[in-house]
Amino acid sequence: MHLSLLFLMGCVFLLPSCIEDKAEDAAHRLVVSKVDVELIQTGMLNTGSKASFDVLANRGYVITSDAEWLDVDKPTGKGRVSVTLEAKPNETAGERTGHLTVTSGKLSERVTVTQTLDPDPDDGNPVGYT
C-alpha cells in the first residue's frame, strides 16, 4: 500500500515536468541541414528541381539574404520546416555566390549558395524533364 501511494505521489510531481518543454523555458535550438548549395544557370539544381534545406528552430527563425538574386519561400517560421531556395537565372558573365543567414535568438547558421553558368543538362527539354 505504501509503495503504491509513493508511486502515485511521484507521478503527480514528476510527470508534468516530463511532458513538454515550454517554448519560453526551452533553450534555443537551431539545426540547418545544408550549409553549401550549388545551382546551375537556371537557378535550379542540376537535376532540374529547386534546391531546399531543412531548418529546425524550436523558438522560431528568420532567414536573410545578402544577394538580391537569392531568396527563400519561408523567410520566417518555427519548428521543423523545409525551405525552398528562390534564385533568379544567372545572366552575369561568371559564377556568383550569395549567403543566407538563418538566425534563432543568439544562434545563427550560414548557407553558402553558389550559382554557376552551367546550362540545363536536359538538352533543350523543359527543366526537370527526364
N, C-alpha and C. Protein backbone atom coordinates (compact mmCIF):
# COMPACT_ATOMS: atom_id res chain seq x y z
N MET A 1 0.82 -1.19 0.00
CA MET A 1 0.00 0.00 0.00
C MET A 1 0.86 1.25 0.00
N HIS A 2 1.90 1.24 0.85
CA HIS A 2 2.77 2.41 0.94
C HIS A 2 3.53 2.65 -0.36
N LEU A 3 3.91 1.58 -1.02
CA LEU A 3 4.64 1.73 -2.29
C LEU A 3 3.75 2.32 -3.37
N SER A 4 2.51 1.90 -3.45
CA SER A 4 1.63 2.45 -4.47
C SER A 4 1.31 3.91 -4.21
N LEU A 5 1.18 4.29 -2.93
CA LEU A 5 0.96 5.69 -2.59
C LEU A 5 2.18 6.53 -2.95
N LEU A 6 3.35 6.00 -2.68
CA LEU A 6 4.59 6.70 -3.04
C LEU A 6 4.71 6.84 -4.55
N PHE A 7 4.34 5.81 -5.29
CA PHE A 7 4.38 5.86 -6.74
C PHE A 7 3.42 6.92 -7.28
N LEU A 8 2.21 6.99 -6.76
CA LEU A 8 1.24 7.99 -7.20
C LEU A 8 1.73 9.40 -6.91
N MET A 9 2.32 9.63 -5.78
CA MET A 9 2.84 10.96 -5.44
C MET A 9 3.97 11.34 -6.39
N GLY A 10 4.82 10.38 -6.72
CA GLY A 10 5.91 10.64 -7.66
C GLY A 10 5.38 11.02 -9.03
N CYS A 11 4.33 10.34 -9.48
CA CYS A 11 3.73 10.66 -10.78
C CYS A 11 3.15 12.06 -10.79
N VAL A 12 2.50 12.44 -9.71
CA VAL A 12 1.86 13.76 -9.64
C VAL A 12 2.90 14.87 -9.72
N PHE A 13 4.05 14.68 -9.07
CA PHE A 13 5.04 15.75 -9.03
C PHE A 13 6.03 15.73 -10.18
N LEU A 14 6.32 14.55 -10.72
CA LEU A 14 7.34 14.45 -11.77
C LEU A 14 6.79 14.46 -13.18
N LEU A 15 5.61 13.94 -13.41
CA LEU A 15 5.08 13.81 -14.76
C LEU A 15 4.91 15.14 -15.49
N PRO A 16 4.36 16.18 -14.88
CA PRO A 16 4.20 17.44 -15.63
C PRO A 16 5.51 18.00 -16.17
N SER A 17 6.62 17.79 -15.49
CA SER A 17 7.88 18.33 -15.96
C SER A 17 8.45 17.53 -17.13
N CYS A 18 7.95 16.30 -17.34
CA CYS A 18 8.45 15.45 -18.42
C CYS A 18 7.63 15.55 -19.70
N ILE A 19 6.45 16.11 -19.63
CA ILE A 19 5.54 16.08 -20.77
C ILE A 19 6.05 16.90 -21.94
N GLU A 20 6.32 18.17 -21.75
CA GLU A 20 6.69 19.03 -22.87
C GLU A 20 7.46 20.23 -22.37
N ASP A 21 8.51 20.61 -23.11
CA ASP A 21 9.21 21.86 -22.80
C ASP A 21 8.33 23.02 -23.20
N LYS A 22 8.23 24.00 -22.36
CA LYS A 22 7.55 25.23 -22.74
C LYS A 22 8.51 26.03 -23.61
N ALA A 23 8.04 26.58 -24.71
CA ALA A 23 8.91 27.28 -25.67
C ALA A 23 9.69 28.39 -25.00
N GLU A 24 9.05 29.11 -24.08
CA GLU A 24 9.76 30.22 -23.45
C GLU A 24 10.80 29.73 -22.44
N ASP A 25 10.66 28.50 -21.95
CA ASP A 25 11.61 27.95 -20.98
C ASP A 25 12.72 27.15 -21.65
N ALA A 26 12.46 26.61 -22.85
CA ALA A 26 13.42 25.73 -23.52
C ALA A 26 14.59 26.53 -24.08
N ALA A 27 15.76 25.91 -24.10
CA ALA A 27 16.94 26.55 -24.69
C ALA A 27 16.75 26.63 -26.20
N HIS A 28 17.33 27.67 -26.82
CA HIS A 28 17.26 27.79 -28.28
C HIS A 28 17.96 26.61 -28.92
N ARG A 29 17.34 26.06 -29.96
CA ARG A 29 17.95 25.02 -30.78
C ARG A 29 17.83 25.44 -32.23
N LEU A 30 18.91 25.28 -32.97
CA LEU A 30 18.91 25.61 -34.39
C LEU A 30 19.75 24.59 -35.14
N VAL A 31 19.12 23.92 -36.11
CA VAL A 31 19.81 22.95 -36.95
C VAL A 31 19.43 23.25 -38.40
N VAL A 32 20.44 23.39 -39.27
CA VAL A 32 20.23 23.62 -40.70
C VAL A 32 20.85 22.43 -41.43
N SER A 33 20.08 21.79 -42.32
CA SER A 33 20.51 20.54 -42.94
C SER A 33 21.63 20.70 -43.98
N LYS A 34 21.75 21.86 -44.62
CA LYS A 34 22.80 22.08 -45.62
C LYS A 34 23.44 23.43 -45.39
N VAL A 35 24.75 23.50 -45.57
CA VAL A 35 25.44 24.78 -45.47
C VAL A 35 26.07 25.21 -46.79
N ASP A 36 26.07 24.31 -47.78
CA ASP A 36 26.58 24.62 -49.12
C ASP A 36 25.60 24.08 -50.16
N VAL A 37 25.23 24.95 -51.12
CA VAL A 37 24.32 24.55 -52.20
C VAL A 37 24.89 25.09 -53.51
N GLU A 38 24.89 24.24 -54.55
CA GLU A 38 25.35 24.68 -55.87
C GLU A 38 24.19 24.59 -56.86
N LEU A 39 23.94 25.70 -57.54
CA LEU A 39 22.86 25.79 -58.52
C LEU A 39 23.46 25.97 -59.91
N ILE A 40 22.69 25.59 -60.93
CA ILE A 40 23.11 25.85 -62.31
C ILE A 40 22.56 27.20 -62.75
N GLN A 41 22.80 27.57 -63.97
CA GLN A 41 22.45 28.89 -64.50
C GLN A 41 20.97 29.23 -64.33
N THR A 42 20.09 28.24 -64.43
CA THR A 42 18.65 28.49 -64.35
C THR A 42 18.18 28.80 -62.93
N GLY A 43 19.01 28.58 -61.93
CA GLY A 43 18.61 28.77 -60.54
C GLY A 43 18.12 27.50 -59.90
N MET A 44 18.27 26.38 -60.60
CA MET A 44 17.84 25.07 -60.11
C MET A 44 19.06 24.22 -59.80
N LEU A 45 18.81 23.05 -59.21
CA LEU A 45 19.86 22.04 -59.07
C LEU A 45 20.11 21.43 -60.44
N ASN A 46 21.22 20.73 -60.61
CA ASN A 46 21.50 20.12 -61.92
C ASN A 46 20.54 18.97 -62.24
N THR A 47 19.70 18.57 -61.29
CA THR A 47 18.67 17.56 -61.52
C THR A 47 17.41 18.18 -62.09
N GLY A 48 17.34 19.51 -62.12
CA GLY A 48 16.17 20.20 -62.63
C GLY A 48 15.16 20.59 -61.57
N SER A 49 15.42 20.26 -60.32
CA SER A 49 14.49 20.62 -59.24
C SER A 49 15.03 21.81 -58.45
N LYS A 50 14.14 22.43 -57.70
CA LYS A 50 14.55 23.56 -56.87
C LYS A 50 15.31 23.04 -55.65
N ALA A 51 16.30 23.79 -55.23
CA ALA A 51 17.08 23.42 -54.06
C ALA A 51 16.29 23.74 -52.80
N SER A 52 16.48 22.92 -51.77
CA SER A 52 15.83 23.17 -50.49
C SER A 52 16.73 22.68 -49.37
N PHE A 53 16.44 23.12 -48.17
CA PHE A 53 17.12 22.64 -46.97
C PHE A 53 16.13 22.70 -45.82
N ASP A 54 16.41 21.92 -44.79
CA ASP A 54 15.54 21.87 -43.62
C ASP A 54 16.10 22.72 -42.50
N VAL A 55 15.18 23.37 -41.78
CA VAL A 55 15.54 24.17 -40.62
C VAL A 55 14.77 23.62 -39.43
N LEU A 56 15.47 23.41 -38.33
CA LEU A 56 14.82 23.05 -37.07
C LEU A 56 15.15 24.16 -36.07
N ALA A 57 14.12 24.91 -35.68
CA ALA A 57 14.30 26.02 -34.75
C ALA A 57 13.12 26.01 -33.79
N ASN A 58 13.35 25.54 -32.57
CA ASN A 58 12.25 25.37 -31.63
C ASN A 58 11.63 26.68 -31.17
N ARG A 59 12.35 27.78 -31.29
CA ARG A 59 11.81 29.07 -30.85
C ARG A 59 11.68 30.05 -32.00
N GLY A 60 11.64 29.54 -33.22
CA GLY A 60 11.46 30.39 -34.38
C GLY A 60 12.77 30.78 -35.03
N TYR A 61 12.70 31.13 -36.31
CA TYR A 61 13.89 31.52 -37.07
C TYR A 61 13.54 32.64 -38.03
N VAL A 62 14.60 33.32 -38.50
CA VAL A 62 14.50 34.34 -39.54
C VAL A 62 15.63 34.08 -40.52
N ILE A 63 15.33 34.12 -41.84
CA ILE A 63 16.37 33.93 -42.85
C ILE A 63 16.53 35.22 -43.63
N THR A 64 17.77 35.69 -43.72
CA THR A 64 18.09 36.89 -44.50
C THR A 64 19.08 36.51 -45.59
N SER A 65 19.07 37.29 -46.67
CA SER A 65 19.95 37.06 -47.81
C SER A 65 20.82 38.28 -48.04
N ASP A 66 22.07 38.05 -48.46
CA ASP A 66 22.95 39.18 -48.79
C ASP A 66 23.02 39.43 -50.29
N ALA A 67 22.19 38.72 -51.08
CA ALA A 67 22.22 38.85 -52.55
C ALA A 67 20.81 39.12 -53.05
N GLU A 68 20.67 40.08 -53.97
CA GLU A 68 19.34 40.43 -54.49
C GLU A 68 18.76 39.33 -55.38
N TRP A 69 19.59 38.44 -55.88
CA TRP A 69 19.13 37.36 -56.76
C TRP A 69 18.71 36.10 -56.00
N LEU A 70 18.87 36.12 -54.68
CA LEU A 70 18.66 34.92 -53.87
C LEU A 70 17.65 35.19 -52.77
N ASP A 71 16.66 34.31 -52.65
CA ASP A 71 15.62 34.44 -51.63
C ASP A 71 15.15 33.04 -51.23
N VAL A 72 14.24 32.96 -50.28
CA VAL A 72 13.65 31.69 -49.87
C VAL A 72 12.14 31.83 -49.80
N ASP A 73 11.44 30.70 -49.86
CA ASP A 73 9.98 30.74 -49.82
C ASP A 73 9.42 30.95 -48.41
N LYS A 74 10.18 30.64 -47.37
CA LYS A 74 9.71 30.81 -45.99
C LYS A 74 10.79 31.52 -45.18
N PRO A 75 10.85 32.85 -45.25
CA PRO A 75 11.91 33.57 -44.54
C PRO A 75 11.75 33.57 -43.03
N THR A 76 10.58 33.22 -42.51
CA THR A 76 10.38 33.09 -41.06
C THR A 76 9.59 31.82 -40.79
N GLY A 77 9.75 31.28 -39.61
CA GLY A 77 9.00 30.08 -39.24
C GLY A 77 9.38 29.58 -37.88
N LYS A 78 8.82 28.43 -37.52
CA LYS A 78 9.06 27.84 -36.21
C LYS A 78 8.91 26.34 -36.32
N GLY A 79 9.73 25.61 -35.59
CA GLY A 79 9.67 24.16 -35.61
C GLY A 79 10.56 23.60 -36.70
N ARG A 80 10.15 22.47 -37.28
CA ARG A 80 10.90 21.84 -38.38
C ARG A 80 10.23 22.24 -39.68
N VAL A 81 10.99 22.93 -40.55
CA VAL A 81 10.43 23.49 -41.78
C VAL A 81 11.37 23.19 -42.94
N SER A 82 10.80 22.84 -44.08
CA SER A 82 11.57 22.68 -45.31
C SER A 82 11.49 24.01 -46.06
N VAL A 83 12.65 24.58 -46.37
CA VAL A 83 12.74 25.89 -47.02
C VAL A 83 13.26 25.70 -48.44
N THR A 84 12.57 26.29 -49.42
CA THR A 84 12.96 26.18 -50.83
C THR A 84 13.66 27.46 -51.27
N LEU A 85 14.79 27.30 -51.97
CA LEU A 85 15.53 28.46 -52.48
C LEU A 85 14.86 29.00 -53.73
N GLU A 86 14.79 30.31 -53.82
CA GLU A 86 14.27 31.00 -54.99
C GLU A 86 15.43 31.82 -55.55
N ALA A 87 16.01 31.35 -56.67
CA ALA A 87 17.15 32.04 -57.27
C ALA A 87 16.80 32.46 -58.69
N LYS A 88 17.15 33.70 -59.02
CA LYS A 88 16.94 34.19 -60.39
C LYS A 88 17.99 33.56 -61.30
N PRO A 89 17.69 33.40 -62.57
CA PRO A 89 18.68 32.86 -63.51
C PRO A 89 19.95 33.71 -63.51
N ASN A 90 21.08 33.06 -63.68
CA ASN A 90 22.37 33.75 -63.69
C ASN A 90 22.64 34.28 -65.10
N GLU A 91 22.48 35.58 -65.26
CA GLU A 91 22.73 36.22 -66.55
C GLU A 91 23.99 37.09 -66.51
N THR A 92 24.84 36.82 -65.52
CA THR A 92 26.10 37.56 -65.39
C THR A 92 27.16 36.88 -66.25
N ALA A 93 28.35 37.41 -66.22
CA ALA A 93 29.44 36.84 -67.02
C ALA A 93 30.20 35.76 -66.27
N GLY A 94 29.82 35.47 -65.03
CA GLY A 94 30.57 34.47 -64.26
C GLY A 94 29.76 33.89 -63.11
N GLU A 95 30.43 33.00 -62.42
CA GLU A 95 29.83 32.35 -61.25
C GLU A 95 29.55 33.40 -60.18
N ARG A 96 28.50 33.20 -59.41
CA ARG A 96 28.21 34.15 -58.33
C ARG A 96 27.88 33.38 -57.06
N THR A 97 28.15 34.05 -55.94
CA THR A 97 27.95 33.44 -54.63
C THR A 97 27.12 34.36 -53.76
N GLY A 98 26.17 33.79 -53.05
CA GLY A 98 25.35 34.53 -52.11
C GLY A 98 25.25 33.75 -50.81
N HIS A 99 24.85 34.42 -49.76
CA HIS A 99 24.74 33.77 -48.46
C HIS A 99 23.37 34.01 -47.85
N LEU A 100 22.86 32.96 -47.23
CA LEU A 100 21.64 33.06 -46.44
C LEU A 100 22.05 32.88 -44.99
N THR A 101 21.54 33.73 -44.11
CA THR A 101 21.83 33.61 -42.69
C THR A 101 20.54 33.22 -41.99
N VAL A 102 20.57 32.09 -41.31
CA VAL A 102 19.43 31.60 -40.54
C VAL A 102 19.71 31.92 -39.09
N THR A 103 18.83 32.70 -38.46
CA THR A 103 19.04 33.16 -37.09
C THR A 103 17.88 32.74 -36.21
N SER A 104 18.22 32.27 -35.02
CA SER A 104 17.23 31.94 -33.99
C SER A 104 17.82 32.40 -32.66
N GLY A 105 17.28 33.49 -32.13
CA GLY A 105 17.85 34.04 -30.89
C GLY A 105 19.28 34.47 -31.13
N LYS A 106 20.21 33.95 -30.32
CA LYS A 106 21.63 34.27 -30.47
C LYS A 106 22.36 33.27 -31.35
N LEU A 107 21.65 32.25 -31.84
CA LEU A 107 22.26 31.23 -32.70
C LEU A 107 22.09 31.62 -34.17
N SER A 108 23.07 31.26 -34.99
CA SER A 108 22.94 31.51 -36.42
C SER A 108 23.74 30.48 -37.21
N GLU A 109 23.26 30.19 -38.40
CA GLU A 109 23.93 29.31 -39.36
C GLU A 109 23.97 30.03 -40.69
N ARG A 110 25.04 29.81 -41.44
CA ARG A 110 25.21 30.47 -42.74
C ARG A 110 25.18 29.42 -43.84
N VAL A 111 24.33 29.64 -44.85
CA VAL A 111 24.23 28.76 -46.00
C VAL A 111 24.85 29.49 -47.19
N THR A 112 25.87 28.89 -47.81
CA THR A 112 26.52 29.48 -48.97
C THR A 112 25.90 28.88 -50.23
N VAL A 113 25.43 29.76 -51.12
CA VAL A 113 24.81 29.33 -52.37
C VAL A 113 25.69 29.81 -53.52
N THR A 114 26.17 28.87 -54.33
CA THR A 114 26.99 29.18 -55.49
C THR A 114 26.17 28.87 -56.74
N GLN A 115 26.13 29.84 -57.65
CA GLN A 115 25.40 29.65 -58.90
C GLN A 115 26.38 29.75 -60.05
N THR A 116 26.46 28.67 -60.81
CA THR A 116 27.40 28.60 -61.93
C THR A 116 26.73 29.06 -63.22
N LEU A 117 27.48 29.00 -64.30
CA LEU A 117 26.93 29.28 -65.63
C LEU A 117 26.63 27.99 -66.38
N ASP A 118 26.66 26.85 -65.66
CA ASP A 118 26.36 25.57 -66.29
C ASP A 118 24.93 25.60 -66.83
N PRO A 119 24.74 25.20 -68.09
CA PRO A 119 23.40 25.19 -68.67
C PRO A 119 22.57 24.03 -68.13
N ASP A 120 21.29 24.07 -68.39
CA ASP A 120 20.39 22.98 -68.03
C ASP A 120 20.86 21.72 -68.74
N PRO A 121 21.14 20.63 -68.04
CA PRO A 121 21.68 19.42 -68.67
C PRO A 121 20.65 18.59 -69.43
N ASP A 122 19.42 19.07 -69.54
CA ASP A 122 18.37 18.28 -70.19
C ASP A 122 18.34 18.43 -71.70
N ASP A 123 19.35 19.01 -72.29
CA ASP A 123 19.47 19.11 -73.75
C ASP A 123 18.28 19.77 -74.43
N GLY A 124 17.83 20.90 -73.89
CA GLY A 124 16.76 21.65 -74.52
C GLY A 124 15.36 21.28 -74.09
N ASN A 125 15.22 20.22 -73.33
CA ASN A 125 13.91 19.84 -72.81
C ASN A 125 13.53 20.75 -71.64
N PRO A 126 12.27 20.83 -71.28
CA PRO A 126 11.89 21.65 -70.13
C PRO A 126 12.65 21.23 -68.87
N VAL A 127 12.89 22.20 -67.97
CA VAL A 127 13.62 21.92 -66.74
C VAL A 127 12.88 20.83 -65.98
N GLY A 128 13.62 19.82 -65.53
CA GLY A 128 13.04 18.71 -64.78
C GLY A 128 12.61 17.54 -65.63
N TYR A 129 12.67 17.67 -66.96
CA TYR A 129 12.27 16.58 -67.85
C TYR A 129 13.28 15.45 -67.77
N THR A 130 12.80 14.22 -67.62
CA THR A 130 13.70 13.07 -67.61
C THR A 130 13.29 12.08 -68.68
